[in-house]
PDB file of N, CA and C in Angstrom:
ATOM      1  N   MET A   1     104.298  46.932 100.316  1.00  0.00           N
ATOM      2  CA  MET A   1     102.902  46.931 100.500  1.00  0.00           C
ATOM      3  C   MET A   1     102.520  45.701 101.370  1.00  0.00           C
ATOM      4  N   PHE A   2     101.201  45.619 101.618  1.00  0.00           N
ATOM      5  CA  PHE A   2     100.681  44.495 102.456  1.00  0.00           C
ATOM      6  C   PHE A   2     100.137  43.495 101.451  1.00  0.00           C
ATOM      7  N   PRO A   3     100.293  42.192 101.830  1.00  0.00           N
ATOM      8  CA  PRO A   3      99.821  41.176 100.956  1.00  0.00           C
ATOM      9  C   PRO A   3      98.333  41.302 100.707  1.00  0.00           C
ATOM     10  N   GLY A   4      98.026  41.160  99.468  1.00  0.00           N
ATOM     11  CA  GLY A   4      96.702  41.189  99.006  1.00  0.00           C
ATOM     12  C   GLY A   4      95.921  42.581  98.990  1.00  0.00           C
ATOM     13  N   VAL A   5      96.788  43.666  99.234  1.00  0.00           N
ATOM     14  CA  VAL A   5      96.260  45.009  99.060  1.00  0.00           C
ATOM     15  C   VAL A   5      96.833  45.707  97.781  1.00  0.00           C
ATOM     16  N   THR A   6      95.936  46.112  97.061  1.00  0.00           N
ATOM     17  CA  THR A   6      96.222  46.737  95.740  1.00  0.00           C
ATOM     18  C   THR A   6      96.816  48.169  96.009  1.00  0.00           C
ATOM     19  N   ILE A   7      97.442  48.653  95.097  1.00  0.00           N
ATOM     20  CA  ILE A   7      97.842  50.063  95.067  1.00  0.00           C
ATOM     21  C   ILE A   7      96.608  51.004  94.994  1.00  0.00           C
ATOM     22  N   ILE A   8      95.566  50.676  94.418  1.00  0.00           N
ATOM     23  CA  ILE A   8      94.277  51.409  94.368  1.00  0.00           C
ATOM     24  C   ILE A   8      93.644  51.534  95.799  1.00  0.00           C
ATOM     25  N   GLN A   9      93.761  50.344  96.544  1.00  0.00           N
ATOM     26  CA  GLN A   9      93.227  50.359  97.904  1.00  0.00           C
ATOM     27  C   GLN A   9      93.918  51.108  98.760  1.00  0.00           C
ATOM     28  N   THR A  10      95.310  51.003  98.606  1.00  0.00           N
ATOM     29  CA  THR A  10      96.296  51.845  99.456  1.00  0.00           C
ATOM     30  C   THR A  10      96.129  53.263  99.244  1.00  0.00           C
ATOM     31  N   ALA A  11      96.118  53.680  97.876  1.00  0.00           N
ATOM     32  CA  ALA A  11      95.717  55.060  97.520  1.00  0.00           C
ATOM     33  C   ALA A  11      94.501  55.561  98.138  1.00  0.00           C
ATOM     34  N   ASP A  12      93.338  54.896  98.057  1.00  0.00           N
ATOM     35  CA  ASP A  12      92.053  55.178  98.697  1.00  0.00           C
ATOM     36  C   ASP A  12      92.186  55.373  99.960  1.00  0.00           C
ATOM     37  N   TYR A  13      92.805  54.485 100.679  1.00  0.00           N
ATOM     38  CA  TYR A  13      93.087  54.499 102.240  1.00  0.00           C
ATOM     39  C   TYR A  13      93.735  55.824 102.595  1.00  0.00           C
ATOM     40  N   LEU A  14      94.829  56.128 101.791  1.00  0.00           N
ATOM     41  CA  LEU A  14      95.673  57.240 102.156  1.00  0.00           C
ATOM     42  C   LEU A  14      94.737  58.536 101.938  1.00  0.00           C
ATOM     43  N   ILE A  15      93.940  58.554 100.918  1.00  0.00           N
ATOM     44  CA  ILE A  15      92.996  59.709 100.610  1.00  0.00           C
ATOM     45  C   ILE A  15      92.008  59.860 101.810  1.00  0.00           C
ATOM     46  N   GLU A  16      91.503  58.751 102.232  1.00  0.00           N
ATOM     47  CA  GLU A  16      90.369  58.869 103.242  1.00  0.00           C
ATOM     48  C   GLU A  16      91.119  59.397 104.440  1.00  0.00           C
ATOM     49  N   ILE A  17      92.207  58.904 104.949  1.00  0.00           N
ATOM     50  CA  ILE A  17      92.865  59.405 106.006  1.00  0.00           C
ATOM     51  C   ILE A  17      93.268  60.725 105.866  1.00  0.00           C
ATOM     52  N   ALA A  18      93.828  61.134 104.785  1.00  0.00           N
ATOM     53  CA  ALA A  18      94.129  62.590 104.597  1.00  0.00           C
ATOM     54  C   ALA A  18      92.878  63.381 104.833  1.00  0.00           C
ATOM     55  N   ASP A  19      91.834  62.944 104.355  1.00  0.00           N
ATOM     56  CA  ASP A  19      90.425  63.814 104.599  1.00  0.00           C
ATOM     57  C   ASP A  19      90.164  63.924 105.940  1.00  0.00           C
ATOM     58  N   ARG A  20      90.298  62.729 106.650  1.00  0.00           N
ATOM     59  CA  ARG A  20      90.033  62.710 108.209  1.00  0.00           C
ATOM     60  C   ARG A  20      90.936  63.712 108.984  1.00  0.00           C
ATOM     61  N   CYS A  21      92.192  63.773 108.508  1.00  0.00           N
ATOM     62  CA  CYS A  21      93.140  64.766 109.164  1.00  0.00           C
ATOM     63  C   CYS A  21      92.815  66.097 109.033  1.00  0.00           C
ATOM     64  N   ILE A  22      92.490  66.377 107.708  1.00  0.00           N
ATOM     65  CA  ILE A  22      91.966  67.877 107.333  1.00  0.00           C
ATOM     66  C   ILE A  22      90.719  68.291 108.282  1.00  0.00           C
ATOM     67  N   ARG A  23      89.776  67.390 108.342  1.00  0.00           N
ATOM     68  CA  ARG A  23      88.572  67.641 109.327  1.00  0.00           C
ATOM     69  C   ARG A  23      88.931  67.837 110.797  1.00  0.00           C
ATOM     70  N   LEU A  24      89.894  67.020 111.143  1.00  0.00           N
ATOM     71  CA  LEU A  24      90.344  67.117 112.627  1.00  0.00           C
ATOM     72  C   LEU A  24      91.122  68.484 112.822  1.00  0.00           C
ATOM     73  N   ALA A  25      91.990  68.830 111.650  1.00  0.00           N
ATOM     74  CA  ALA A  25      92.697  69.970 111.854  1.00  0.00           C
ATOM     75  C   ALA A  25      91.614  71.308 111.868  1.00  0.00           C
ATOM     76  N   ASN A  26      90.879  71.202 111.035  1.00  0.00           N
ATOM     77  CA  ASN A  26      89.845  72.205 110.943  1.00  0.00           C
ATOM     78  C   ASN A  26      88.930  72.304 112.379  1.00  0.00           C
ATOM     79  N   ALA A  27      88.740  71.296 112.909  1.00  0.00           N
ATOM     80  CA  ALA A  27      87.989  71.327 114.253  1.00  0.00           C
ATOM     81  C   ALA A  27      88.914  71.879 115.294  1.00  0.00           C
ATOM     82  N   GLY A  28      90.083  71.530 115.197  1.00  0.00           N
ATOM     83  CA  GLY A  28      91.185  72.044 116.165  1.00  0.00           C
ATOM     84  C   GLY A  28      91.439  73.479 115.961  1.00  0.00           C
ATOM     85  N   ARG A  29      91.354  73.995 114.839  1.00  0.00           N
ATOM     86  CA  ARG A  29      91.493  75.280 114.619  1.00  0.00           C
ATOM     87  C   ARG A  29      90.264  76.093 115.203  1.00  0.00           C
ATOM     88  N   ARG A  30      89.159  75.551 114.778  1.00  0.00           N
ATOM     89  CA  ARG A  30      87.887  76.332 115.347  1.00  0.00           C
ATOM     90  C   ARG A  30      87.982  76.438 116.877  1.00  0.00           C
ATOM     91  N   LEU A  31      88.295  75.279 117.471  1.00  0.00           N
ATOM     92  CA  LEU A  31      88.538  75.400 118.987  1.00  0.00           C
ATOM     93  C   LEU A  31      89.641  76.319 119.404  1.00  0.00           C
ATOM     94  N   ALA A  32      90.611  76.338 118.741  1.00  0.00           N
ATOM     95  CA  ALA A  32      91.662  77.225 119.291  1.00  0.00           C
ATOM     96  C   ALA A  32      91.317  78.661 118.854  1.00  0.00           C
ATOM     97  N   ASP A  33      90.587  79.005 117.752  1.00  0.00           N
ATOM     98  CA  ASP A  33      90.214  80.328 117.528  1.00  0.00           C
ATOM     99  C   ASP A  33      89.115  80.714 118.598  1.00  0.00           C
ATOM    100  N   GLU A  34      88.261  79.842 118.979  1.00  0.00           N
ATOM    101  CA  GLU A  34      87.163  80.064 120.046  1.00  0.00           C
ATOM    102  C   GLU A  34      87.872  80.435 121.290  1.00  0.00           C
ATOM    103  N   LEU A  35      88.767  79.551 121.678  1.00  0.00           N
ATOM    104  CA  LEU A  35      89.325  79.870 123.021  1.00  0.00           C
ATOM    105  C   LEU A  35      90.299  81.251 122.864  1.00  0.00           C
ATOM    106  N   ASP A  36      91.009  81.423 121.803  1.00  0.00           N
ATOM    107  CA  ASP A  36      91.797  82.651 121.642  1.00  0.00           C
ATOM    108  C   ASP A  36      90.974  83.860 121.628  1.00  0.00           C
ATOM    109  N   SER A  37      89.714  83.803 121.179  1.00  0.00           N
ATOM    110  CA  SER A  37      88.862  85.063 121.154  1.00  0.00           C
ATOM    111  C   SER A  37      88.025  85.262 122.295  1.00  0.00           C
ATOM    112  N   SER A  38      88.011  84.461 123.225  1.00  0.00           N
ATOM    113  CA  SER A  38      87.344  84.627 124.390  1.00  0.00           C
ATOM    114  C   SER A  38      87.780  85.854 125.201  1.00  0.00           C
ATOM    115  N   PRO A  39      86.870  86.771 125.736  1.00  0.00           N
ATOM    116  CA  PRO A  39      87.193  88.020 126.432  1.00  0.00           C
ATOM    117  C   PRO A  39      87.810  87.591 127.813  1.00  0.00           C
ATOM    118  N   ALA A  40      87.481  86.601 128.285  1.00  0.00           N
ATOM    119  CA  ALA A  40      87.887  86.090 129.720  1.00  0.00           C
ATOM    120  C   ALA A  40      89.289  85.186 129.487  1.00  0.00           C
ATOM    121  N   ILE A  41      90.074  85.335 128.595  1.00  0.00           N
ATOM    122  CA  ILE A  41      91.215  84.564 128.155  1.00  0.00           C
ATOM    123  C   ILE A  41      92.301  84.569 129.325  1.00  0.00           C
ATOM    124  N   LYS A  42      92.860  83.473 129.692  1.00  0.00           N
ATOM    125  CA  LYS A  42      93.847  83.474 130.667  1.00  0.00           C
ATOM    126  C   LYS A  42      95.092  82.779 130.095  1.00  0.00           C
ATOM    127  N   GLU A  43      96.149  82.622 130.784  1.00  0.00           N
ATOM    128  CA  GLU A  43      97.213  82.022 130.263  1.00  0.00           C
ATOM    129  C   GLU A  43      97.069  80.435 130.024  1.00  0.00           C
ATOM    130  N   GLN A  44      96.384  79.728 130.673  1.00  0.00           N
ATOM    131  CA  GLN A  44      96.070  78.309 130.466  1.00  0.00           C
ATOM    132  C   GLN A  44      95.241  78.286 129.102  1.00  0.00           C
ATOM    133  N   ARG A  45      94.291  79.193 128.914  1.00  0.00           N
ATOM    134  CA  ARG A  45      93.550  79.082 127.707  1.00  0.00           C
ATOM    135  C   ARG A  45      94.475  79.387 126.363  1.00  0.00           C
ATOM    136  N   ALA A  46      95.344  80.333 126.671  1.00  0.00           N
ATOM    137  CA  ALA A  46      96.394  80.702 125.655  1.00  0.00           C
ATOM    138  C   ALA A  46      97.132  79.504 125.298  1.00  0.00           C
ATOM    139  N   ARG A  47      97.657  78.927 126.240  1.00  0.00           N
ATOM    140  CA  ARG A  47      98.360  77.637 125.944  1.00  0.00           C
ATOM    141  C   ARG A  47      97.599  76.485 125.316  1.00  0.00           C
ATOM    142  N   LEU A  48      96.392  76.458 125.537  1.00  0.00           N
ATOM    143  CA  LEU A  48      95.591  75.334 124.998  1.00  0.00           C
ATOM    144  C   LEU A  48      95.249  75.696 123.707  1.00  0.00           C
ATOM    145  N   ALA A  49      95.037  77.063 123.382  1.00  0.00           N
ATOM    146  CA  ALA A  49      94.918  77.545 122.031  1.00  0.00           C
ATOM    147  C   ALA A  49      95.960  77.237 121.106  1.00  0.00           C
ATOM    148  N   ALA A  50      97.273  77.429 121.714  1.00  0.00           N
ATOM    149  CA  ALA A  50      98.457  77.299 120.988  1.00  0.00           C
ATOM    150  C   ALA A  50      98.724  75.754 120.689  1.00  0.00           C
ATOM    151  N   SER A  51      98.326  74.989 121.636  1.00  0.00           N
ATOM    152  CA  SER A  51      98.518  73.311 121.532  1.00  0.00           C
ATOM    153  C   SER A  51      97.398  72.962 120.247  1.00  0.00           C
ATOM    154  N   GLY A  52      96.208  73.620 120.347  1.00  0.00           N
ATOM    155  CA  GLY A  52      95.290  73.164 119.377  1.00  0.00           C
ATOM    156  C   GLY A  52      95.752  73.524 117.954  1.00  0.00           C
ATOM    157  N   GLN A  53      96.499  74.600 117.898  1.00  0.00           N
ATOM    158  CA  GLN A  53      96.927  75.166 116.603  1.00  0.00           C
ATOM    159  C   GLN A  53      98.126  74.323 116.013  1.00  0.00           C
ATOM    160  N   GLU A  54      98.992  73.880 117.107  1.00  0.00           N
ATOM    161  CA  GLU A  54     100.064  72.946 116.787  1.00  0.00           C
ATOM    162  C   GLU A  54      99.490  71.548 116.231  1.00  0.00           C
ATOM    163  N   VAL A  55      98.394  70.961 116.908  1.00  0.00           N
ATOM    164  CA  VAL A  55      97.885  69.802 116.513  1.00  0.00           C
ATOM    165  C   VAL A  55      97.322  69.895 115.137  1.00  0.00           C
ATOM    166  N   ALA A  56      96.585  70.940 114.916  1.00  0.00           N
ATOM    167  CA  ALA A  56      96.023  71.358 113.579  1.00  0.00           C
ATOM    168  C   ALA A  56      97.159  71.354 112.353  1.00  0.00           C
ATOM    169  N   ASP A  57      98.183  72.012 112.722  1.00  0.00           N
ATOM    170  CA  ASP A  57      99.328  71.918 111.767  1.00  0.00           C
ATOM    171  C   ASP A  57      99.900  70.661 111.621  1.00  0.00           C
ATOM    172  N   LYS A  58     100.052  69.815 112.546  1.00  0.00           N
ATOM    173  CA  LYS A  58     100.547  68.591 112.231  1.00  0.00           C
ATOM    174  C   LYS A  58      99.646  67.647 111.527  1.00  0.00           C
ATOM    175  N   LEU A  59      98.324  67.745 111.725  1.00  0.00           N
ATOM    176  CA  LEU A  59      97.299  66.985 111.056  1.00  0.00           C
ATOM    177  C   LEU A  59      97.319  67.362 109.517  1.00  0.00           C
ATOM    178  N   GLU A  60      97.477  68.791 109.311  1.00  0.00           N
ATOM    179  CA  GLU A  60      97.404  69.192 107.850  1.00  0.00           C
ATOM    180  C   GLU A  60      98.639  68.688 107.250  1.00  0.00           C
ATOM    181  N   THR A  61      99.793  68.566 107.873  1.00  0.00           N
ATOM    182  CA  THR A  61     100.983  68.234 107.355  1.00  0.00           C
ATOM    183  C   THR A  61     100.830  66.661 106.983  1.00  0.00           C
ATOM    184  N   MET A  62     100.282  65.908 107.897  1.00  0.00           N
ATOM    185  CA  MET A  62     100.012  64.489 107.715  1.00  0.00           C
ATOM    186  C   MET A  62      99.131  64.388 106.433  1.00  0.00           C
ATOM    187  N   SER A  63      97.991  65.054 106.222  1.00  0.00           N
ATOM    188  CA  SER A  63      97.192  64.994 105.329  1.00  0.00           C
ATOM    189  C   SER A  63      97.911  65.343 103.919  1.00  0.00           C
ATOM    190  N   ARG A  64      98.690  66.266 103.899  1.00  0.00           N
ATOM    191  CA  ARG A  64      99.454  66.659 102.620  1.00  0.00           C
ATOM    192  C   ARG A  64     100.324  65.528 102.179  1.00  0.00           C
ATOM    193  N   GLU A  65     100.990  64.975 103.256  1.00  0.00           N
ATOM    194  CA  GLU A  65     101.938  63.836 102.865  1.00  0.00           C
ATOM    195  C   GLU A  65     101.277  62.535 102.440  1.00  0.00           C
ATOM    196  N   MET A  66     100.035  62.364 102.892  1.00  0.00           N
ATOM    197  CA  MET A  66      99.273  61.191 102.501  1.00  0.00           C
ATOM    198  C   MET A  66      98.696  61.449 101.120  1.00  0.00           C
ATOM    199  N   MET A  67      98.189  62.588 100.840  1.00  0.00           N
ATOM    200  CA  MET A  67      97.658  62.740  99.531  1.00  0.00           C
ATOM    201  C   MET A  67      98.829  62.799  98.409  1.00  0.00           C
ATOM    202  N   ALA A  68     100.038  63.321  98.787  1.00  0.00           N
ATOM    203  CA  ALA A  68     101.017  63.231  97.803  1.00  0.00           C
ATOM    204  C   ALA A  68     101.449  61.790  97.641  1.00  0.00           C
ATOM    205  N   LYS A  69     101.534  60.871  98.550  1.00  0.00           N
ATOM    206  CA  LYS A  69     101.803  59.434  98.508  1.00  0.00           C
ATOM    207  C   LYS A  69     100.786  58.777  97.613  1.00  0.00           C
ATOM    208  N   ALA A  70      99.359  59.151  97.849  1.00  0.00           N
ATOM    209  CA  ALA A  70      98.358  58.594  96.920  1.00  0.00           C
ATOM    210  C   ALA A  70      98.362  58.970  95.653  1.00  0.00           C
ATOM    211  N   VAL A  71      98.779  60.236  95.253  1.00  0.00           N
ATOM    212  CA  VAL A  71      99.083  60.603  93.911  1.00  0.00           C
ATOM    213  C   VAL A  71     100.290  59.876  93.242  1.00  0.00           C
ATOM    214  N   GLU A  72     101.255  59.651  94.032  1.00  0.00           N
ATOM    215  CA  GLU A  72     102.423  59.052  93.646  1.00  0.00           C
ATOM    216  C   GLU A  72     102.023  57.625  93.284  1.00  0.00           C
ATOM    217  N   LEU A  73     101.380  56.917  94.129  1.00  0.00           N
ATOM    218  CA  LEU A  73     100.829  55.568  93.863  1.00  0.00           C
ATOM    219  C   LEU A  73     100.105  55.404  92.688  1.00  0.00           C
ATOM    220  N   ASP A  74      99.188  56.462  92.515  1.00  0.00           N
ATOM    221  CA  ASP A  74      98.232  56.353  91.359  1.00  0.00           C
ATOM    222  C   ASP A  74      98.942  56.634  90.028  1.00  0.00           C
ATOM    223  N   THR A  75      99.938  57.569  90.167  1.00  0.00           N
ATOM    224  CA  THR A  75     100.746  57.802  88.856  1.00  0.00           C
ATOM    225  C   THR A  75     101.565  56.452  88.525  1.00  0.00           C
ATOM    226  N   SER A  76     102.014  55.945  89.496  1.00  0.00           N
ATOM    227  CA  SER A  76     102.834  54.555  89.224  1.00  0.00           C
ATOM    228  C   SER A  76     101.924  53.547  88.706  1.00  0.00           C
ATOM    229  N   ARG A  77     100.788  53.458  89.071  1.00  0.00           N
ATOM    230  CA  ARG A  77      99.847  52.480  88.693  1.00  0.00           C
ATOM    231  C   ARG A  77      99.420  52.772  87.204  1.00  0.00           C
ATOM    232  N   GLN A  78      99.293  54.142  86.813  1.00  0.00           N
ATOM    233  CA  GLN A  78      98.789  54.606  85.529  1.00  0.00           C
ATOM    234  C   GLN A  78      99.966  54.317  84.598  1.00  0.00           C
ATOM    235  N   LYS A  79     101.324  54.508  85.088  1.00  0.00           N
ATOM    236  CA  LYS A  79     102.424  54.343  84.143  1.00  0.00           C
ATOM    237  C   LYS A  79     102.648  52.795  83.857  1.00  0.00           C
ATOM    238  N   ALA A  80     102.317  51.868  84.957  1.00  0.00           N
ATOM    239  CA  ALA A  80     102.470  50.458  84.773  1.00  0.00           C
ATOM    240  C   ALA A  80     101.423  49.839  83.820  1.00  0.00           C
ATOM    241  N   SER A  81     100.289  50.485  83.822  1.00  0.00           N
ATOM    242  CA  SER A  81      99.157  49.971  82.915  1.00  0.00           C
ATOM    243  C   SER A  81      98.710  51.067  82.125  1.00  0.00           C
ATOM    244  N   PRO A  82      99.366  51.589  81.181  1.00  0.00           N
ATOM    245  CA  PRO A  82      98.926  52.826  80.406  1.00  0.00           C
ATOM    246  C   PRO A  82      97.644  52.656  79.487  1.00  0.00           C
ATOM    247  N   ARG A  83      97.512  51.305  79.044  1.00  0.00           N
ATOM    248  CA  ARG A  83      96.318  51.145  78.081  1.00  0.00           C
ATOM    249  C   ARG A  83      94.967  51.329  78.839  1.00  0.00           C
ATOM    250  N   GLN A  84      95.047  51.047  80.059  1.00  0.00           N
ATOM    251  CA  GLN A  84      93.817  51.165  80.893  1.00  0.00           C
ATOM    252  C   GLN A  84      93.381  52.686  81.119  1.00  0.00           C
ATOM    253  N   PHE A  85      94.298  53.562  80.965  1.00  0.00           N
ATOM    254  CA  PHE A  85      94.134  54.973  81.226  1.00  0.00           C
ATOM    255  C   PHE A  85      94.168  56.007  80.161  1.00  0.00           C
ATOM    256  N   GLY A  86      94.004  55.330  78.855  1.00  0.00           N
ATOM    257  CA  GLY A  86      93.936  56.128  77.765  1.00  0.00           C
ATOM    258  C   GLY A  86      95.312  56.003  76.813  1.00  0.00           C
ATOM    259  N   PRO A  87      95.217  56.780  75.702  1.00  0.00           N
ATOM    260  CA  PRO A  87      96.379  56.606  74.754  1.00  0.00           C
ATOM    261  C   PRO A  87      97.713  56.960  75.417  1.00  0.00           C
TER     262      PRO A  87
END
């Protein structure tokens, strides 16, 4: 970890970035779908749509990895301080 940064801050940061990745992935998918459904589609548009889908897939993967890490950090924090989180 970074000096002075708590597990809670790190988990919150990961959740925030994961959320941003999902929003970017959704925007990329909408763009790719719009390009792909255009009646005047050409080879360049098809490649661009495929690239947009690839970027969206990678962003979603990053988001899932960060959310998993945030959950892992939060679980570790809860195990380290069980009295703070219930019986």
